[in-house]
């Protein structure tokens, strides 16, 4: 469990930094778009690496943990400290869409990676 939290929090901080940088672009109206596009890409790369390692936890739990860690970091660091207001959860595009995409991408990659690993193990045992 500690490894899972470490993976999620490191990547959540990375995503939080991307969010803070995107906030600087807010004057141009692109912060929400950058966040909504960058978050699933970053977590897709992370999920691919995480699920490629032997002993990875089930995809649903990992996706839920990563999403919860990012939500806590977004609310605590970005909304609480950087913006000093908790208006972020009211934004579907700025808060809920990226969280949903993080969950879906992490879960989907986990499912595909675990299916691929199982097939490769089965093929190796037959030869």
C-alpha atoms as a PDB file:
ATOM      1  CA  UNK A   1       0.000   0.000   0.000  1.00  0.00           C
ATOM      2  CA  UNK A   2       2.856   2.357   0.804  1.00  0.00           C
ATOM      3  CA  UNK A   3       4.267   1.917  -2.707  1.00  0.00           C
ATOM      4  CA  UNK A   4       0.874   2.707  -4.220  1.00  0.00           C
ATOM      5  CA  UNK A   5       0.616   5.931  -2.197  1.00  0.00           C
ATOM      6  CA  UNK A   6       4.163   6.889  -3.173  1.00  0.00           C
ATOM      7  CA  UNK A   7       3.423   6.387  -6.879  1.00  0.00           C
ATOM      8  CA  UNK A   8       0.162   8.308  -6.687  1.00  0.00           C
ATOM      9  CA  UNK A   9       1.456  11.181  -4.593  1.00  0.00           C
ATOM     10  CA  UNK A  10       4.559  11.732  -6.716  1.00  0.00           C
ATOM     11  CA  UNK A  11       2.443  11.815  -9.828  1.00  0.00           C
ATOM     12  CA  UNK A  12      -0.250  13.849  -8.116  1.00  0.00           C
ATOM     13  CA  UNK A  13       2.327  16.483  -7.224  1.00  0.00           C
ATOM     14  CA  UNK A  14       3.513  16.470 -10.838  1.00  0.00           C
ATOM     15  CA  UNK A  15      -0.075  16.920 -11.974  1.00  0.00           C
ATOM     16  CA  UNK A  16      -0.578  19.634  -9.342  1.00  0.00           C
ATOM     17  CA  UNK A  17       2.450  21.520 -10.626  1.00  0.00           C
ATOM     18  CA  UNK A  18       1.051  21.246 -14.150  1.00  0.00           C
ATOM     19  CA  UNK A  19      -2.213  22.647 -12.793  1.00  0.00           C
ATOM     20  CA  UNK A  20      -0.441  25.604 -11.168  1.00  0.00           C
ATOM     21  CA  UNK A  21       1.420  26.326 -14.399  1.00  0.00           C
ATOM     22  CA  UNK A  22      -1.833  26.065 -16.287  1.00  0.00           C
ATOM     23  CA  UNK A  23      -3.367  28.600 -13.905  1.00  0.00           C
ATOM     24  CA  UNK A  24      -0.832  31.114 -15.197  1.00  0.00           C
ATOM     25  CA  UNK A  25      -2.409  30.625 -18.619  1.00  0.00           C
ATOM     26  CA  UNK A  26      -5.862  31.396 -17.264  1.00  0.00           C
ATOM     27  CA  UNK A  27      -5.835  34.894 -18.751  1.00  0.00           C
ATOM     28  CA  UNK A  28      -5.821  33.245 -22.169  1.00  0.00           C
ATOM     29  CA  UNK A  29      -8.596  30.849 -21.190  1.00  0.00           C
ATOM     30  CA  UNK A  30      -6.519  27.724 -21.772  1.00  0.00           C
ATOM     31  CA  UNK A  31      -5.837  26.564 -18.195  1.00  0.00           C
ATOM     32  CA  UNK A  32      -8.816  24.210 -18.025  1.00  0.00           C
ATOM     33  CA  UNK A  33      -8.041  22.731 -21.428  1.00  0.00           C
ATOM     34  CA  UNK A  34      -4.385  22.212 -20.592  1.00  0.00           C
ATOM     35  CA  UNK A  35      -5.316  20.517 -17.315  1.00  0.00           C
ATOM     36  CA  UNK A  36      -7.997  18.330 -18.892  1.00  0.00           C
ATOM     37  CA  UNK A  37      -5.600  17.186 -21.624  1.00  0.00           C
ATOM     38  CA  UNK A  38      -2.366  16.927 -19.614  1.00  0.00           C
ATOM     39  CA  UNK A  39      -3.730  14.985 -16.622  1.00  0.00           C
ATOM     40  CA  UNK A  40      -4.846  11.849 -18.502  1.00  0.00           C
ATOM     41  CA  UNK A  41      -1.681  11.840 -20.628  1.00  0.00           C
ATOM     42  CA  UNK A  42       0.559  12.048 -17.567  1.00  0.00           C
ATOM     43  CA  UNK A  43      -1.387   9.361 -15.738  1.00  0.00           C
ATOM     44  CA  UNK A  44      -1.519   7.185 -18.844  1.00  0.00           C
ATOM     45  CA  UNK A  45       2.272   7.117 -18.943  1.00  0.00           C
ATOM     46  CA  UNK A  46       2.415   6.480 -15.193  1.00  0.00           C
ATOM     47  CA  UNK A  47      -0.170   3.691 -15.358  1.00  0.00           C
ATOM     48  CA  UNK A  48       1.656   1.994 -18.193  1.00  0.00           C
ATOM     49  CA  UNK A  49       4.871   1.938 -16.148  1.00  0.00           C
ATOM     50  CA  UNK A  50       3.115   0.957 -12.929  1.00  0.00           C
ATOM     51  CA  UNK A  51       1.154  -1.935 -14.401  1.00  0.00           C
ATOM     52  CA  UNK A  52       4.186  -3.151 -16.333  1.00  0.00           C
ATOM     53  CA  UNK A  53       5.880  -4.025 -13.038  1.00  0.00           C
ATOM     54  CA  UNK A  54       5.301  -7.466 -11.550  1.00  0.00           C
ATOM     55  CA  UNK A  55       3.077  -7.405  -8.467  1.00  0.00           C
ATOM     56  CA  UNK A  56       0.979  -4.386  -9.447  1.00  0.00           C
ATOM     57  CA  UNK A  57      -2.324  -4.111  -7.632  1.00  0.00           C
ATOM     58  CA  UNK A  58      -5.714  -4.536  -9.376  1.00  0.00           C
ATOM     59  CA  UNK A  59      -6.574  -1.757 -11.861  1.00  0.00           C
ATOM     60  CA  UNK A  60      -9.775  -0.523 -10.193  1.00  0.00           C
ATOM     61  CA  UNK A  61      -8.118   0.029  -6.818  1.00  0.00           C
ATOM     62  CA  UNK A  62      -5.091   1.726  -8.348  1.00  0.00           C
ATOM     63  CA  UNK A  63      -7.274   4.017 -10.457  1.00  0.00           C
ATOM     64  CA  UNK A  64      -9.354   4.918  -7.392  1.00  0.00           C
ATOM     65  CA  UNK A  65      -6.235   5.556  -5.299  1.00  0.00           C
ATOM     66  CA  UNK A  66      -4.547   7.707  -7.955  1.00  0.00           C
ATOM     67  CA  UNK A  67      -7.744   9.703  -8.463  1.00  0.00           C
ATOM     68  CA  UNK A  68      -8.271  10.215  -4.727  1.00  0.00           C
ATOM     69  CA  UNK A  69      -4.667  11.329  -4.240  1.00  0.00           C
ATOM     70  CA  UNK A  70      -4.921  13.832  -7.096  1.00  0.00           C
ATOM     71  CA  UNK A  71      -8.260  15.145  -5.777  1.00  0.00           C
ATOM     72  CA  UNK A  72      -6.779  15.624  -2.297  1.00  0.00           C
ATOM     73  CA  UNK A  73      -3.709  17.365  -3.688  1.00  0.00           C
ATOM     74  CA  UNK A  74      -5.816  19.572  -5.970  1.00  0.00           C
ATOM     75  CA  UNK A  75      -8.090  20.571  -3.116  1.00  0.00           C
ATOM     76  CA  UNK A  76      -5.315  20.960  -0.556  1.00  0.00           C
ATOM     77  CA  UNK A  77      -2.472  22.485  -2.539  1.00  0.00           C
ATOM     78  CA  UNK A  78      -4.001  24.153  -5.552  1.00  0.00           C
ATOM     79  CA  UNK A  79      -7.397  25.276  -4.228  1.00  0.00           C
ATOM     80  CA  UNK A  80      -6.450  25.656  -0.571  1.00  0.00           C
ATOM     81  CA  UNK A  81      -2.965  27.163  -0.733  1.00  0.00           C
ATOM     82  CA  UNK A  82      -2.359  28.555  -4.240  1.00  0.00           C
ATOM     83  CA  UNK A  83      -5.842  29.893  -5.015  1.00  0.00           C
ATOM     84  CA  UNK A  84      -6.967  30.326  -1.382  1.00  0.00           C
ATOM     85  CA  UNK A  85     -10.563  29.514  -2.264  1.00  0.00           C
ATOM     86  CA  UNK A  86     -12.458  26.271  -2.678  1.00  0.00           C
ATOM     87  CA  UNK A  87     -14.293  27.109  -5.889  1.00  0.00           C
ATOM     88  CA  UNK A  88     -12.452  24.423  -7.858  1.00  0.00           C
ATOM     89  CA  UNK A  89     -14.875  21.530  -7.078  1.00  0.00           C
ATOM     90  CA  UNK A  90     -17.698  23.557  -8.624  1.00  0.00           C
ATOM     91  CA  UNK A  91     -15.989  23.389 -12.020  1.00  0.00           C
ATOM     92  CA  UNK A  92     -16.889  20.337 -14.081  1.00  0.00           C
ATOM     93  CA  UNK A  93     -14.264  21.013 -16.746  1.00  0.00           C
ATOM     94  CA  UNK A  94     -11.554  22.167 -14.339  1.00  0.00           C
ATOM     95  CA  UNK A  95     -11.921  19.559 -11.575  1.00  0.00           C
ATOM     96  CA  UNK A  96     -14.302  16.686 -12.285  1.00  0.00           C
ATOM     97  CA  UNK A  97     -13.404  16.022 -15.933  1.00  0.00           C
ATOM     98  CA  UNK A  98      -9.661  15.615 -15.279  1.00  0.00           C
ATOM     99  CA  UNK A  99     -10.369  13.369 -12.270  1.00  0.00           C
ATOM    100  CA  UNK A 100     -12.731  11.237 -14.322  1.00  0.00           C
ATOM    101  CA  UNK A 101     -10.222  10.977 -17.163  1.00  0.00           C
ATOM    102  CA  UNK A 102      -7.422  10.067 -14.741  1.00  0.00           C
ATOM    103  CA  UNK A 103      -9.573   7.276 -13.325  1.00  0.00           C
ATOM    104  CA  UNK A 104     -10.708   5.945 -16.709  1.00  0.00           C
ATOM    105  CA  UNK A 105      -7.256   6.065 -18.321  1.00  0.00           C
ATOM    106  CA  UNK A 106      -5.540   4.443 -15.326  1.00  0.00           C
ATOM    107  CA  UNK A 107      -8.186   1.725 -15.060  1.00  0.00           C
ATOM    108  CA  UNK A 108      -8.238   1.009 -18.815  1.00  0.00           C
ATOM    109  CA  UNK A 109      -4.462   0.785 -19.096  1.00  0.00           C
ATOM    110  CA  UNK A 110      -4.388  -1.429 -16.015  1.00  0.00           C
ATOM    111  CA  UNK A 111      -6.949  -3.792 -17.499  1.00  0.00           C
ATOM    112  CA  UNK A 112      -5.113  -3.983 -20.823  1.00  0.00           C
ATOM    113  CA  UNK A 113      -1.709  -4.415 -19.174  1.00  0.00           C
ATOM    114  CA  UNK A 114      -2.924  -7.190 -16.864  1.00  0.00           C
ATOM    115  CA  UNK A 115      -4.601  -8.989 -19.783  1.00  0.00           C
ATOM    116  CA  UNK A 116      -1.395  -8.736 -21.802  1.00  0.00           C
ATOM    117  CA  UNK A 117       0.712 -10.037 -18.932  1.00  0.00           C
ATOM    118  CA  UNK A 118      -1.637 -12.992 -18.388  1.00  0.00           C
ATOM    119  CA  UNK A 119      -1.576 -13.909 -22.065  1.00  0.00           C
ATOM    120  CA  UNK A 120       2.227 -13.715 -22.212  1.00  0.00           C
ATOM    121  CA  UNK A 121       2.563 -15.910 -19.098  1.00  0.00           C
ATOM    122  CA  UNK A 122       0.151 -18.459 -20.560  1.00  0.00           C
ATOM    123  CA  UNK A 123       2.005 -18.528 -23.882  1.00  0.00           C
ATOM    124  CA  UNK A 124       5.361 -18.922 -22.098  1.00  0.00           C
ATOM    125  CA  UNK A 125       4.111 -21.848 -20.037  1.00  0.00           C
ATOM    126  CA  UNK A 126       2.925 -23.728 -23.124  1.00  0.00           C
ATOM    127  CA  UNK A 127       6.280 -23.594 -24.901  1.00  0.00           C
END
